[in-house]
Amino acid sequence: MTEAEWTKTAVLHDGRVVSTMSEEWKIECEARYLLRMPLQQRRHALERREQIRGVKSVEKLRERMKAIHAARKARAHLPPMPP
């Protein structure tokens, strides 16, 4: 079985379609997971990740979290869809 046969696709917060095996999807999932945490827990989780992975990796994750949050906030201000 080839990778294409067992790989699924997913939609990122910005509408891009990516493989569920991609680095982009991994970052997106982790960012969504962290955004569901209470603030103090999220800060601690990010600090631990920074100790393990380094500043550059965590900065990339923080940027993705900000982008997801901004996209959610923008969607919340859209007028309701007609029935």
C-alpha atoms as a PDB file:
ATOM      1  CA  MET A   1       0.000   0.000   0.000  1.00  0.00           C
ATOM      2  CA  THR A   2       1.416   3.401  -0.974  1.00  0.00           C
ATOM      3  CA  GLU A   3       1.349   6.475   1.242  1.00  0.00           C
ATOM      4  CA  ALA A   4      -1.229   8.087  -1.047  1.00  0.00           C
ATOM      5  CA  GLU A   5      -3.558   5.152  -0.471  1.00  0.00           C
ATOM      6  CA  TRP A   6      -3.604   5.399   3.308  1.00  0.00           C
ATOM      7  CA  THR A   7      -3.018   9.105   3.831  1.00  0.00           C
ATOM      8  CA  LYS A   8      -6.024  11.275   4.469  1.00  0.00           C
ATOM      9  CA  THR A   9      -6.348  15.019   4.015  1.00  0.00           C
ATOM     10  CA  ALA A  10      -7.362  17.706   6.479  1.00  0.00           C
ATOM     11  CA  VAL A  11      -8.239  21.397   6.251  1.00  0.00           C
ATOM     12  CA  LEU A  12      -6.110  23.913   8.142  1.00  0.00           C
ATOM     13  CA  HIS A  13      -7.523  27.018   9.830  1.00  0.00           C
ATOM     14  CA  ASP A  14      -6.667  29.064   6.731  1.00  0.00           C
ATOM     15  CA  GLY A  15      -8.459  26.735   4.330  1.00  0.00           C
ATOM     16  CA  ARG A  16      -5.425  24.906   2.947  1.00  0.00           C
ATOM     17  CA  VAL A  17      -5.843  21.179   2.415  1.00  0.00           C
ATOM     18  CA  VAL A  18      -2.887  19.103   3.606  1.00  0.00           C
ATOM     19  CA  SER A  19      -2.029  15.492   4.260  1.00  0.00           C
ATOM     20  CA  THR A  20      -2.694  14.263   7.772  1.00  0.00           C
ATOM     21  CA  MET A  21       0.896  12.981   7.660  1.00  0.00           C
ATOM     22  CA  SER A  22       2.349  16.469   7.028  1.00  0.00           C
ATOM     23  CA  GLU A  23       4.308  18.668   9.416  1.00  0.00           C
ATOM     24  CA  GLU A  24       1.727  21.418   8.818  1.00  0.00           C
ATOM     25  CA  TRP A  25      -1.073  19.219  10.152  1.00  0.00           C
ATOM     26  CA  LYS A  26       1.036  18.136  13.139  1.00  0.00           C
ATOM     27  CA  ILE A  27       1.609  21.781  14.112  1.00  0.00           C
ATOM     28  CA  GLU A  28      -2.057  22.640  13.545  1.00  0.00           C
ATOM     29  CA  CYS A  29      -3.249  19.784  15.780  1.00  0.00           C
ATOM     30  CA  GLU A  30      -0.832  20.669  18.548  1.00  0.00           C
ATOM     31  CA  ALA A  31      -1.774  24.352  18.381  1.00  0.00           C
ATOM     32  CA  ARG A  32      -5.507  23.535  18.559  1.00  0.00           C
ATOM     33  CA  TYR A  33      -4.857  21.215  21.486  1.00  0.00           C
ATOM     34  CA  LEU A  34      -2.931  23.898  23.380  1.00  0.00           C
ATOM     35  CA  LEU A  35      -5.588  26.548  22.685  1.00  0.00           C
ATOM     36  CA  ARG A  36      -8.157  24.383  24.488  1.00  0.00           C
ATOM     37  CA  MET A  37      -6.070  24.482  27.684  1.00  0.00           C
ATOM     38  CA  PRO A  38      -6.569  27.032  30.458  1.00  0.00           C
ATOM     39  CA  LEU A  39      -4.041  29.865  30.130  1.00  0.00           C
ATOM     40  CA  GLN A  40      -1.757  28.826  33.017  1.00  0.00           C
ATOM     41  CA  GLN A  41      -1.630  25.234  31.836  1.00  0.00           C
ATOM     42  CA  ARG A  42      -0.923  26.406  28.270  1.00  0.00           C
ATOM     43  CA  ARG A  43       1.948  28.608  29.438  1.00  0.00           C
ATOM     44  CA  HIS A  44       3.475  25.725  31.375  1.00  0.00           C
ATOM     45  CA  ALA A  45       3.087  23.376  28.384  1.00  0.00           C
ATOM     46  CA  LEU A  46       4.794  25.897  26.095  1.00  0.00           C
ATOM     47  CA  GLU A  47       7.648  26.386  28.574  1.00  0.00           C
ATOM     48  CA  ARG A  48       8.212  22.601  28.733  1.00  0.00           C
ATOM     49  CA  ARG A  49       8.165  22.349  24.944  1.00  0.00           C
ATOM     50  CA  GLU A  50      10.682  25.180  24.730  1.00  0.00           C
ATOM     51  CA  GLN A  51      13.023  23.353  27.124  1.00  0.00           C
ATOM     52  CA  ILE A  52      12.754  20.179  25.056  1.00  0.00           C
ATOM     53  CA  ARG A  53      12.539  21.472  21.462  1.00  0.00           C
ATOM     54  CA  GLY A  54      14.046  24.938  21.623  1.00  0.00           C
ATOM     55  CA  VAL A  55      12.825  28.494  21.121  1.00  0.00           C
ATOM     56  CA  LYS A  56      12.504  28.365  17.340  1.00  0.00           C
ATOM     57  CA  SER A  57      10.157  25.370  17.372  1.00  0.00           C
ATOM     58  CA  VAL A  58       7.918  26.853  20.053  1.00  0.00           C
ATOM     59  CA  GLU A  59       7.822  30.236  18.322  1.00  0.00           C
ATOM     60  CA  LYS A  60       6.468  28.512  15.224  1.00  0.00           C
ATOM     61  CA  LEU A  61       3.801  26.875  17.393  1.00  0.00           C
ATOM     62  CA  ARG A  62       2.912  30.199  19.042  1.00  0.00           C
ATOM     63  CA  GLU A  63       2.531  31.860  15.639  1.00  0.00           C
ATOM     64  CA  ARG A  64       0.170  29.099  14.521  1.00  0.00           C
ATOM     65  CA  MET A  65      -1.853  29.490  17.733  1.00  0.00           C
ATOM     66  CA  LYS A  66      -2.177  33.240  17.107  1.00  0.00           C
ATOM     67  CA  ALA A  67      -3.300  32.608  13.519  1.00  0.00           C
ATOM     68  CA  ILE A  68      -5.920  30.059  14.605  1.00  0.00           C
ATOM     69  CA  HIS A  69      -7.192  32.403  17.305  1.00  0.00           C
ATOM     70  CA  ALA A  70      -7.429  35.299  14.830  1.00  0.00           C
ATOM     71  CA  ALA A  71      -9.296  33.114  12.315  1.00  0.00           C
ATOM     72  CA  ARG A  72     -11.771  31.989  14.977  1.00  0.00           C
ATOM     73  CA  LYS A  73     -12.299  35.572  16.122  1.00  0.00           C
ATOM     74  CA  ALA A  74     -12.926  36.726  12.530  1.00  0.00           C
ATOM     75  CA  ARG A  75     -15.458  33.932  11.967  1.00  0.00           C
ATOM     76  CA  ALA A  76     -17.261  34.879  15.172  1.00  0.00           C
ATOM     77  CA  HIS A  77     -17.925  38.352  13.753  1.00  0.00           C
ATOM     78  CA  LEU A  78     -19.481  37.127  10.509  1.00  0.00           C
ATOM     79  CA  PRO A  79     -23.225  37.646  10.102  1.00  0.00           C
ATOM     80  CA  PRO A  80     -25.315  34.487  10.585  1.00  0.00           C
ATOM     81  CA  MET A  81     -26.018  32.346   7.534  1.00  0.00           C
ATOM     82  CA  PRO A  82     -29.601  32.573   6.262  1.00  0.00           C
ATOM     83  CA  PRO A  83     -31.733  29.451   6.805  1.00  0.00           C
END
